[in-house]
């Protein structure tokens, strides 16, 4: 499964209502660390297909979601299980550090 672009319109169904854990990447196109993290997040999406869902939220386009989850710095990664945020990571991380968040 590829990454899913999440907006205010589909957040509830894609993230909160998901029956599998969801890794949400809060990012922006002008953010250097976000661009460095993007290929890692894409790799995780392919590698964990069917076991986790990977969603991307552009904070410039979806500022309401960024405010809702207190996103002050990007990239921020959040893991949701059962509709609740269970782990958060701010800044660039290695793949192993990210996958530990949802194990």
PDB file of N, CA and C in Angstrom:
ATOM      1  N   UNK A   1       0.849  -1.183   0.000  1.00  0.00           N
ATOM      2  CA  UNK A   1       0.000   0.000   0.000  1.00  0.00           C
ATOM      3  C   UNK A   1       0.887   1.235   0.000  1.00  0.00           C
ATOM      4  N   UNK A   2       0.495   2.186  -0.764  1.00  0.00           N
ATOM      5  CA  UNK A   2       1.269   3.429  -0.787  1.00  0.00           C
ATOM      6  C   UNK A   2       0.769   4.349   0.318  1.00  0.00           C
ATOM      7  N   UNK A   3       1.438   5.453   0.461  1.00  0.00           N
ATOM      8  CA  UNK A   3       1.052   6.431   1.470  1.00  0.00           C
ATOM      9  C   UNK A   3      -0.276   7.074   1.074  1.00  0.00           C
ATOM     10  N   UNK A   4      -1.062   7.400   2.073  1.00  0.00           N
ATOM     11  CA  UNK A   4      -2.370   8.010   1.853  1.00  0.00           C
ATOM     12  C   UNK A   4      -2.287   9.471   2.270  1.00  0.00           C
ATOM     13  N   UNK A   5      -2.700  10.359   1.388  1.00  0.00           N
ATOM     14  CA  UNK A   5      -2.762  11.773   1.735  1.00  0.00           C
ATOM     15  C   UNK A   5      -4.029  11.997   2.549  1.00  0.00           C
ATOM     16  N   UNK A   6      -3.851  12.536   3.741  1.00  0.00           N
ATOM     17  CA  UNK A   6      -4.984  12.738   4.643  1.00  0.00           C
ATOM     18  C   UNK A   6      -5.296  14.221   4.745  1.00  0.00           C
ATOM     19  N   UNK A   7      -6.586  14.499   4.708  1.00  0.00           N
ATOM     20  CA  UNK A   7      -7.099  15.858   4.870  1.00  0.00           C
ATOM     21  C   UNK A   7      -8.117  15.837   6.002  1.00  0.00           C
ATOM     22  N   UNK A   8      -8.616  17.004   6.339  1.00  0.00           N
ATOM     23  CA  UNK A   8      -9.662  17.100   7.350  1.00  0.00           C
ATOM     24  C   UNK A   8     -10.861  16.230   6.957  1.00  0.00           C
ATOM     25  N   UNK A   9     -11.126  16.151   5.649  1.00  0.00           N
ATOM     26  CA  UNK A   9     -12.293  15.419   5.155  1.00  0.00           C
ATOM     27  C   UNK A   9     -12.189  13.909   5.369  1.00  0.00           C
ATOM     28  N   UNK A  10     -10.991  13.340   5.260  1.00  0.00           N
ATOM     29  CA  UNK A  10     -10.887  11.879   5.380  1.00  0.00           C
ATOM     30  C   UNK A  10     -10.119  11.419   6.623  1.00  0.00           C
ATOM     31  N   UNK A  11      -9.754  12.339   7.515  1.00  0.00           N
ATOM     32  CA  UNK A  11      -8.970  11.975   8.691  1.00  0.00           C
ATOM     33  C   UNK A  11      -9.679  10.940   9.560  1.00  0.00           C
ATOM     34  N   UNK A  12     -10.935  11.176   9.845  1.00  0.00           N
ATOM     35  CA  UNK A  12     -11.675  10.258  10.725  1.00  0.00           C
ATOM     36  C   UNK A  12     -11.705   8.847  10.148  1.00  0.00           C
ATOM     37  N   UNK A  13     -12.010   8.714   8.866  1.00  0.00           N
ATOM     38  CA  UNK A  13     -12.119   7.375   8.277  1.00  0.00           C
ATOM     39  C   UNK A  13     -10.768   6.699   8.098  1.00  0.00           C
ATOM     40  N   UNK A  14      -9.743   7.453   7.690  1.00  0.00           N
ATOM     41  CA  UNK A  14      -8.430   6.854   7.412  1.00  0.00           C
ATOM     42  C   UNK A  14      -7.610   6.593   8.670  1.00  0.00           C
ATOM     43  N   UNK A  15      -7.694   7.482   9.652  1.00  0.00           N
ATOM     44  CA  UNK A  15      -6.834   7.378  10.831  1.00  0.00           C
ATOM     45  C   UNK A  15      -7.609   6.872  12.049  1.00  0.00           C
ATOM     46  N   UNK A  16      -8.603   7.616  12.477  1.00  0.00           N
ATOM     47  CA  UNK A  16      -9.332   7.264  13.692  1.00  0.00           C
ATOM     48  C   UNK A  16     -10.071   5.940  13.518  1.00  0.00           C
ATOM     49  N   UNK A  17     -10.673   5.730  12.370  1.00  0.00           N
ATOM     50  CA  UNK A  17     -11.467   4.520  12.140  1.00  0.00           C
ATOM     51  C   UNK A  17     -10.694   3.331  11.609  1.00  0.00           C
ATOM     52  N   UNK A  18      -9.381   3.426  11.501  1.00  0.00           N
ATOM     53  CA  UNK A  18      -8.582   2.339  10.942  1.00  0.00           C
ATOM     54  C   UNK A  18      -8.559   1.138  11.886  1.00  0.00           C
ATOM     55  N   UNK A  19      -8.646  -0.064  11.307  1.00  0.00           N
ATOM     56  CA  UNK A  19      -8.576  -1.278  12.119  1.00  0.00           C
ATOM     57  C   UNK A  19      -7.149  -1.786  12.288  1.00  0.00           C
ATOM     58  N   UNK A  20      -6.184  -1.110  11.644  1.00  0.00           N
ATOM     59  CA  UNK A  20      -4.768  -1.436  11.837  1.00  0.00           C
ATOM     60  C   UNK A  20      -4.048  -0.166  12.302  1.00  0.00           C
ATOM     61  N   UNK A  21      -2.882  -0.301  12.940  1.00  0.00           N
ATOM     62  CA  UNK A  21      -2.155   0.900  13.376  1.00  0.00           C
ATOM     63  C   UNK A  21      -1.856   1.838  12.201  1.00  0.00           C
ATOM     64  N   UNK A  22      -1.823   3.129  12.497  1.00  0.00           N
ATOM     65  CA  UNK A  22      -1.588   4.145  11.480  1.00  0.00           C
ATOM     66  C   UNK A  22      -0.377   4.993  11.875  1.00  0.00           C
ATOM     67  N   UNK A  23       0.578   5.109  10.938  1.00  0.00           N
ATOM     68  CA  UNK A  23       1.714   6.015  11.101  1.00  0.00           C
ATOM     69  C   UNK A  23       1.375   7.281  10.327  1.00  0.00           C
ATOM     70  N   UNK A  24       1.283   8.410  11.031  1.00  0.00           N
ATOM     71  CA  UNK A  24       0.937   9.682  10.402  1.00  0.00           C
ATOM     72  C   UNK A  24       2.180  10.563  10.368  1.00  0.00           C
ATOM     73  N   UNK A  25       2.504  11.041   9.176  1.00  0.00           N
ATOM     74  CA  UNK A  25       3.649  11.925   8.961  1.00  0.00           C
ATOM     75  C   UNK A  25       3.127  13.339   8.729  1.00  0.00           C
ATOM     76  N   UNK A  26       3.346  14.226   9.704  1.00  0.00           N
ATOM     77  CA  UNK A  26       3.017  15.647   9.549  1.00  0.00           C
ATOM     78  C   UNK A  26       4.238  16.312   8.924  1.00  0.00           C
ATOM     79  N   UNK A  27       4.072  16.926   7.760  1.00  0.00           N
ATOM     80  CA  UNK A  27       5.207  17.431   6.986  1.00  0.00           C
ATOM     81  C   UNK A  27       4.819  18.694   6.218  1.00  0.00           C
ATOM     82  N   UNK A  28       5.810  19.301   5.557  1.00  0.00           N
ATOM     83  CA  UNK A  28       5.585  20.436   4.643  1.00  0.00           C
ATOM     84  C   UNK A  28       6.622  20.354   3.525  1.00  0.00           C
ATOM     85  N   UNK A  29       6.258  20.861   2.367  1.00  0.00           N
ATOM     86  CA  UNK A  29       7.128  20.755   1.191  1.00  0.00           C
ATOM     87  C   UNK A  29       8.432  21.544   1.343  1.00  0.00           C
ATOM     88  N   UNK A  30       8.437  22.612   2.141  1.00  0.00           N
ATOM     89  CA  UNK A  30       9.626  23.461   2.309  1.00  0.00           C
ATOM     90  C   UNK A  30      10.565  22.961   3.406  1.00  0.00           C
ATOM     91  N   UNK A  31      10.190  21.890   4.093  1.00  0.00           N
ATOM     92  CA  UNK A  31      10.936  21.388   5.253  1.00  0.00           C
ATOM     93  C   UNK A  31      12.008  20.388   4.824  1.00  0.00           C
ATOM     94  N   UNK A  32      13.282  20.764   4.989  1.00  0.00           N
ATOM     95  CA  UNK A  32      14.398  19.901   4.604  1.00  0.00           C
ATOM     96  C   UNK A  32      14.388  18.543   5.288  1.00  0.00           C
ATOM     97  N   UNK A  33      14.270  18.493   6.627  1.00  0.00           N
ATOM     98  CA  UNK A  33      14.217  17.197   7.295  1.00  0.00           C
ATOM     99  C   UNK A  33      13.022  16.347   6.855  1.00  0.00           C
ATOM    100  N   UNK A  34      11.911  17.009   6.510  1.00  0.00           N
ATOM    101  CA  UNK A  34      10.735  16.276   6.000  1.00  0.00           C
ATOM    102  C   UNK A  34      11.088  15.582   4.685  1.00  0.00           C
ATOM    103  N   UNK A  35      11.816  16.272   3.820  1.00  0.00           N
ATOM    104  CA  UNK A  35      12.210  15.697   2.534  1.00  0.00           C
ATOM    105  C   UNK A  35      13.180  14.536   2.732  1.00  0.00           C
ATOM    106  N   UNK A  36      14.056  14.644   3.740  1.00  0.00           N
ATOM    107  CA  UNK A  36      14.986  13.556   4.047  1.00  0.00           C
ATOM    108  C   UNK A  36      14.248  12.339   4.598  1.00  0.00           C
ATOM    109  N   UNK A  37      13.176  12.586   5.329  1.00  0.00           N
ATOM    110  CA  UNK A  37      12.409  11.509   5.952  1.00  0.00           C
ATOM    111  C   UNK A  37      11.466  10.821   4.963  1.00  0.00           C
ATOM    112  N   UNK A  38      11.038  11.532   3.933  1.00  0.00           N
ATOM    113  CA  UNK A  38      10.028  11.020   2.999  1.00  0.00           C
ATOM    114  C   UNK A  38      10.358   9.641   2.407  1.00  0.00           C
ATOM    115  N   UNK A  39      11.585   9.395   1.905  1.00  0.00           N
ATOM    116  CA  UNK A  39      11.855   8.064   1.342  1.00  0.00           C
ATOM    117  C   UNK A  39      11.822   6.954   2.390  1.00  0.00           C
ATOM    118  N   UNK A  40      12.148   7.275   3.629  1.00  0.00           N
ATOM    119  CA  UNK A  40      12.091   6.279   4.705  1.00  0.00           C
ATOM    120  C   UNK A  40      10.637   5.929   4.994  1.00  0.00           C
ATOM    121  N   UNK A  41       9.791   6.945   5.070  1.00  0.00           N
ATOM    122  CA  UNK A  41       8.367   6.725   5.322  1.00  0.00           C
ATOM    123  C   UNK A  41       7.758   5.915   4.177  1.00  0.00           C
ATOM    124  N   UNK A  42       8.137   6.213   2.945  1.00  0.00           N
ATOM    125  CA  UNK A  42       7.634   5.467   1.787  1.00  0.00           C
ATOM    126  C   UNK A  42       8.079   4.005   1.846  1.00  0.00           C
ATOM    127  N   UNK A  43       9.313   3.784   2.255  1.00  0.00           N
ATOM    128  CA  UNK A  43       9.843   2.418   2.381  1.00  0.00           C
ATOM    129  C   UNK A  43       9.066   1.636   3.438  1.00  0.00           C
ATOM    130  N   UNK A  44       8.772   2.286   4.551  1.00  0.00           N
ATOM    131  CA  UNK A  44       7.987   1.646   5.617  1.00  0.00           C
ATOM    132  C   UNK A  44       6.595   1.298   5.098  1.00  0.00           C
ATOM    133  N   UNK A  45       5.994   2.191   4.326  1.00  0.00           N
ATOM    134  CA  UNK A  45       4.654   1.945   3.776  1.00  0.00           C
ATOM    135  C   UNK A  45       4.644   0.669   2.937  1.00  0.00           C
ATOM    136  N   UNK A  46       5.686   0.468   2.132  1.00  0.00           N
ATOM    137  CA  UNK A  46       5.753  -0.731   1.306  1.00  0.00           C
ATOM    138  C   UNK A  46       6.070  -1.976   2.111  1.00  0.00           C
ATOM    139  N   UNK A  47       7.001  -1.840   3.022  1.00  0.00           N
ATOM    140  CA  UNK A  47       7.475  -2.991   3.797  1.00  0.00           C
ATOM    141  C   UNK A  47       6.430  -3.525   4.779  1.00  0.00           C
ATOM    142  N   UNK A  48       5.628  -2.634   5.340  1.00  0.00           N
ATOM    143  CA  UNK A  48       4.644  -3.028   6.347  1.00  0.00           C
ATOM    144  C   UNK A  48       3.220  -3.035   5.779  1.00  0.00           C
ATOM    145  N   UNK A  49       3.096  -3.135   4.471  1.00  0.00           N
ATOM    146  CA  UNK A  49       1.804  -3.138   3.791  1.00  0.00           C
ATOM    147  C   UNK A  49       0.879  -4.184   4.401  1.00  0.00           C
ATOM    148  N   UNK A  50      -0.319  -3.752   4.769  1.00  0.00           N
ATOM    149  CA  UNK A  50      -1.295  -4.658   5.352  1.00  0.00           C
ATOM    150  C   UNK A  50      -1.201  -4.758   6.865  1.00  0.00           C
ATOM    151  N   UNK A  51      -0.053  -4.358   7.430  1.00  0.00           N
ATOM    152  CA  UNK A  51       0.119  -4.409   8.886  1.00  0.00           C
ATOM    153  C   UNK A  51      -0.001  -3.042   9.523  1.00  0.00           C
ATOM    154  N   UNK A  52       0.417  -2.009   8.791  1.00  0.00           N
ATOM    155  CA  UNK A  52       0.195  -0.625   9.238  1.00  0.00           C
ATOM    156  C   UNK A  52      -0.223   0.198   8.030  1.00  0.00           C
ATOM    157  N   UNK A  53      -0.902   1.286   8.313  1.00  0.00           N
ATOM    158  CA  UNK A  53      -1.292   2.235   7.278  1.00  0.00           C
ATOM    159  C   UNK A  53      -0.405   3.457   7.451  1.00  0.00           C
ATOM    160  N   UNK A  54       0.092   4.006   6.346  1.00  0.00           N
ATOM    161  CA  UNK A  54       0.939   5.192   6.410  1.00  0.00           C
ATOM    162  C   UNK A  54       0.202   6.362   5.766  1.00  0.00           C
ATOM    163  N   UNK A  55       0.028   7.415   6.547  1.00  0.00           N
ATOM    164  CA  UNK A  55      -0.689   8.600   6.082  1.00  0.00           C
ATOM    165  C   UNK A  55       0.215   9.829   6.196  1.00  0.00           C
ATOM    166  N   UNK A  56       0.032  10.756   5.262  1.00  0.00           N
ATOM    167  CA  UNK A  56       0.805  11.995   5.260  1.00  0.00           C
ATOM    168  C   UNK A  56      -0.157  13.175   5.344  1.00  0.00           C
ATOM    169  N   UNK A  57       0.186  14.113   6.238  1.00  0.00           N
ATOM    170  CA  UNK A  57      -0.625  15.318   6.393  1.00  0.00           C
ATOM    171  C   UNK A  57       0.277  16.524   6.170  1.00  0.00           C
ATOM    172  N   UNK A  58      -0.027  17.293   5.137  1.00  0.00           N
ATOM    173  CA  UNK A  58       0.706  18.522   4.838  1.00  0.00           C
ATOM    174  C   UNK A  58       0.194  19.614   5.779  1.00  0.00           C
ATOM    175  N   UNK A  59       1.044  20.065   6.696  1.00  0.00           N
ATOM    176  CA  UNK A  59       0.604  21.022   7.718  1.00  0.00           C
ATOM    177  C   UNK A  59       0.237  22.383   7.138  1.00  0.00           C
ATOM    178  N   UNK A  60       0.783  22.724   5.983  1.00  0.00           N
ATOM    179  CA  UNK A  60       0.427  23.993   5.354  1.00  0.00           C
ATOM    180  C   UNK A  60      -0.993  23.957   4.801  1.00  0.00           C
ATOM    181  N   UNK A  61      -1.416  22.790   4.348  1.00  0.00           N
ATOM    182  CA  UNK A  61      -2.755  22.650   3.766  1.00  0.00           C
ATOM    183  C   UNK A  61      -3.794  22.237   4.799  1.00  0.00           C
ATOM    184  N   UNK A  62      -3.351  21.590   5.861  1.00  0.00           N
ATOM    185  CA  UNK A  62      -4.275  21.063   6.874  1.00  0.00           C
ATOM    186  C   UNK A  62      -3.912  21.610   8.258  1.00  0.00           C
ATOM    187  N   UNK A  63      -3.932  22.932   8.373  1.00  0.00           N
ATOM    188  CA  UNK A  63      -3.519  23.551   9.627  1.00  0.00           C
ATOM    189  C   UNK A  63      -4.430  23.198  10.796  1.00  0.00           C
ATOM    190  N   UNK A  64      -5.711  22.914  10.538  1.00  0.00           N
ATOM    191  CA  UNK A  64      -6.619  22.534  11.621  1.00  0.00           C
ATOM    192  C   UNK A  64      -6.178  21.232  12.276  1.00  0.00           C
ATOM    193  N   UNK A  65      -5.732  20.264  11.459  1.00  0.00           N
ATOM    194  CA  UNK A  65      -5.256  18.991  12.015  1.00  0.00           C
ATOM    195  C   UNK A  65      -3.947  19.192  12.769  1.00  0.00           C
ATOM    196  N   UNK A  66      -3.083  20.053  12.249  1.00  0.00           N
ATOM    197  CA  UNK A  66      -1.820  20.336  12.931  1.00  0.00           C
ATOM    198  C   UNK A  66      -2.083  20.951  14.308  1.00  0.00           C
ATOM    199  N   UNK A  67      -3.019  21.880  14.380  1.00  0.00           N
ATOM    200  CA  UNK A  67      -3.364  22.514  15.659  1.00  0.00           C
ATOM    201  C   UNK A  67      -4.010  21.493  16.594  1.00  0.00           C
ATOM    202  N   UNK A  68      -4.909  20.673  16.053  1.00  0.00           N
ATOM    203  CA  UNK A  68      -5.613  19.664  16.851  1.00  0.00           C
ATOM    204  C   UNK A  68      -4.639  18.741  17.584  1.00  0.00           C
ATOM    205  N   UNK A  69      -3.528  18.406  16.933  1.00  0.00           N
ATOM    206  CA  UNK A  69      -2.571  17.480  17.534  1.00  0.00           C
ATOM    207  C   UNK A  69      -1.310  18.165  18.059  1.00  0.00           C
ATOM    208  N   UNK A  70      -1.372  19.498  18.175  1.00  0.00           N
ATOM    209  CA  UNK A  70      -0.287  20.247  18.800  1.00  0.00           C
ATOM    210  C   UNK A  70       1.032  20.156  18.061  1.00  0.00           C
ATOM    211  N   UNK A  71       0.977  20.140  16.742  1.00  0.00           N
ATOM    212  CA  UNK A  71       2.195  20.045  15.953  1.00  0.00           C
ATOM    213  C   UNK A  71       2.875  21.408  15.915  1.00  0.00           C
ATOM    214  N   UNK A  72       4.024  21.508  16.585  1.00  0.00           N
ATOM    215  CA  UNK A  72       4.790  22.750  16.623  1.00  0.00           C
ATOM    216  C   UNK A  72       6.053  22.678  15.792  1.00  0.00           C
ATOM    217  N   UNK A  73       6.543  21.476  15.562  1.00  0.00           N
ATOM    218  CA  UNK A  73       7.754  21.261  14.773  1.00  0.00           C
ATOM    219  C   UNK A  73       7.502  20.119  13.798  1.00  0.00           C
ATOM    220  N   UNK A  74       8.132  20.204  12.642  1.00  0.00           N
ATOM    221  CA  UNK A  74       8.018  19.125  11.669  1.00  0.00           C
ATOM    222  C   UNK A  74       9.407  18.703  11.224  1.00  0.00           C
ATOM    223  N   UNK A  75       9.563  17.481  10.798  1.00  0.00           N
ATOM    224  CA  UNK A  75       8.527  16.450  10.736  1.00  0.00           C
ATOM    225  C   UNK A  75       8.140  15.934  12.126  1.00  0.00           C
ATOM    226  N   UNK A  76       6.859  15.624  12.263  1.00  0.00           N
ATOM    227  CA  UNK A  76       6.356  14.930  13.448  1.00  0.00           C
ATOM    228  C   UNK A  76       5.675  13.670  12.962  1.00  0.00           C
ATOM    229  N   UNK A  77       6.038  12.556  13.575  1.00  0.00           N
ATOM    230  CA  UNK A  77       5.398  11.276  13.284  1.00  0.00           C
ATOM    231  C   UNK A  77       4.562  10.885  14.491  1.00  0.00           C
ATOM    232  N   UNK A  78       3.339  10.407  14.220  1.00  0.00           N
ATOM    233  CA  UNK A  78       2.469   9.919  15.290  1.00  0.00           C
ATOM    234  C   UNK A  78       1.949   8.550  14.894  1.00  0.00           C
ATOM    235  N   UNK A  79       1.841   7.667  15.881  1.00  0.00           N
ATOM    236  CA  UNK A  79       1.243   6.357  15.655  1.00  0.00           C
ATOM    237  C   UNK A  79      -0.101   6.340  16.362  1.00  0.00           C
ATOM    238  N   UNK A  80      -1.134   5.944  15.622  1.00  0.00           N
ATOM    239  CA  UNK A  80      -2.486   5.812  16.159  1.00  0.00           C
ATOM    240  C   UNK A  80      -2.859   4.342  16.190  1.00  0.00           C
ATOM    241  N   UNK A  81      -3.396   3.911  17.319  1.00  0.00           N
ATOM    242  CA  UNK A  81      -3.934   2.552  17.456  1.00  0.00           C
ATOM    243  C   UNK A  81      -5.299   2.683  18.098  1.00  0.00           C
ATOM    244  N   UNK A  82      -6.286   2.052  17.504  1.00  0.00           N
ATOM    245  CA  UNK A  82      -7.635   2.120  18.058  1.00  0.00           C
ATOM    246  C   UNK A  82      -8.175   3.527  18.149  1.00  0.00           C
ATOM    247  N   UNK A  83      -7.746   4.391  17.219  1.00  0.00           N
ATOM    248  CA  UNK A  83      -8.254   5.756  17.173  1.00  0.00           C
ATOM    249  C   UNK A  83      -7.563   6.732  18.105  1.00  0.00           C
ATOM    250  N   UNK A  84      -6.544   6.258  18.829  1.00  0.00           N
ATOM    251  CA  UNK A  84      -5.841   7.130  19.768  1.00  0.00           C
ATOM    252  C   UNK A  84      -4.354   7.225  19.420  1.00  0.00           C
ATOM    253  N   UNK A  85      -3.779   8.416  19.632  1.00  0.00           N
ATOM    254  CA  UNK A  85      -2.341   8.599  19.426  1.00  0.00           C
ATOM    255  C   UNK A  85      -1.611   7.896  20.565  1.00  0.00           C
ATOM    256  N   UNK A  86      -0.720   6.962  20.218  1.00  0.00           N
ATOM    257  CA  UNK A  86      -0.013   6.188  21.243  1.00  0.00           C
ATOM    258  C   UNK A  86       1.491   6.462  21.260  1.00  0.00           C
ATOM    259  N   UNK A  87       2.005   7.102  20.218  1.00  0.00           N
ATOM    260  CA  UNK A  87       3.437   7.419  20.165  1.00  0.00           C
ATOM    261  C   UNK A  87       3.643   8.636  19.279  1.00  0.00           C
ATOM    262  N   UNK A  88       4.621   9.465  19.656  1.00  0.00           N
ATOM    263  CA  UNK A  88       4.950  10.661  18.885  1.00  0.00           C
ATOM    264  C   UNK A  88       6.459  10.806  18.808  1.00  0.00           C
ATOM    265  N   UNK A  89       6.929  11.233  17.644  1.00  0.00           N
ATOM    266  CA  UNK A  89       8.353  11.466  17.433  1.00  0.00           C
ATOM    267  C   UNK A  89       8.511  12.755  16.634  1.00  0.00           C
ATOM    268  N   UNK A  90       9.371  13.647  17.098  1.00  0.00           N
ATOM    269  CA  UNK A  90       9.591  14.921  16.419  1.00  0.00           C
ATOM    270  C   UNK A  90      11.000  14.947  15.849  1.00  0.00           C
ATOM    271  N   UNK A  91      11.115  15.373  14.596  1.00  0.00           N
ATOM    272  CA  UNK A  91      12.416  15.486  13.952  1.00  0.00           C
ATOM    273  C   UNK A  91      12.750  14.268  13.114  1.00  0.00           C
ATOM    274  N   UNK A  92      13.855  14.373  12.406  1.00  0.00           N
ATOM    275  CA  UNK A  92      14.317  13.282  11.555  1.00  0.00           C
ATOM    276  C   UNK A  92      14.720  12.090  12.408  1.00  0.00           C
ATOM    277  N   UNK A  93      14.312  10.902  11.988  1.00  0.00           N
ATOM    278  CA  UNK A  93      14.672   9.679  12.689  1.00  0.00           C
ATOM    279  C   UNK A  93      15.093   8.623  11.669  1.00  0.00           C
ATOM    280  N   UNK A  94      15.907   7.689  12.124  1.00  0.00           N
ATOM    281  CA  UNK A  94      16.292   6.544  11.311  1.00  0.00           C
ATOM    282  C   UNK A  94      15.103   5.583  11.226  1.00  0.00           C
ATOM    283  N   UNK A  95      15.118   4.741  10.206  1.00  0.00           N
ATOM    284  CA  UNK A  95      14.028   3.792   9.986  1.00  0.00           C
ATOM    285  C   UNK A  95      13.761   2.931  11.224  1.00  0.00           C
ATOM    286  N   UNK A  96      14.805   2.420  11.846  1.00  0.00           N
ATOM    287  CA  UNK A  96      14.646   1.543  12.997  1.00  0.00           C
ATOM    288  C   UNK A  96      13.948   2.260  14.156  1.00  0.00           C
ATOM    289  N   UNK A  97      14.268   3.546  14.333  1.00  0.00           N
ATOM    290  CA  UNK A  97      13.629   4.320  15.397  1.00  0.00           C
ATOM    291  C   UNK A  97      12.136   4.496  15.113  1.00  0.00           C
ATOM    292  N   UNK A  98      11.789   4.644  13.856  1.00  0.00           N
ATOM    293  CA  UNK A  98      10.377   4.809  13.481  1.00  0.00           C
ATOM    294  C   UNK A  98       9.626   3.506  13.663  1.00  0.00           C
ATOM    295  N   UNK A  99      10.178   2.406  13.184  1.00  0.00           N
ATOM    296  CA  UNK A  99       9.461   1.131  13.280  1.00  0.00           C
ATOM    297  C   UNK A  99       9.273   0.691  14.733  1.00  0.00           C
ATOM    298  N   UNK A 100      10.170   1.098  15.615  1.00  0.00           N
ATOM    299  CA  UNK A 100      10.008   0.793  17.050  1.00  0.00           C
ATOM    300  C   UNK A 100       8.747   1.439  17.620  1.00  0.00           C
ATOM    301  N   UNK A 101       8.314   2.544  17.008  1.00  0.00           N
ATOM    302  CA  UNK A 101       7.135   3.257  17.510  1.00  0.00           C
ATOM    303  C   UNK A 101       5.877   2.415  17.415  1.00  0.00           C
ATOM    304  N   UNK A 102       5.775   1.528  16.428  1.00  0.00           N
ATOM    305  CA  UNK A 102       4.524   0.778  16.287  1.00  0.00           C
ATOM    306  C   UNK A 102       4.691  -0.711  16.548  1.00  0.00           C
ATOM    307  N   UNK A 103       5.774  -1.109  17.165  1.00  0.00           N
ATOM    308  CA  UNK A 103       5.950  -2.525  17.509  1.00  0.00           C
ATOM    309  C   UNK A 103       5.403  -2.794  18.893  1.00  0.00           C
TER     310      UNK A 103
END
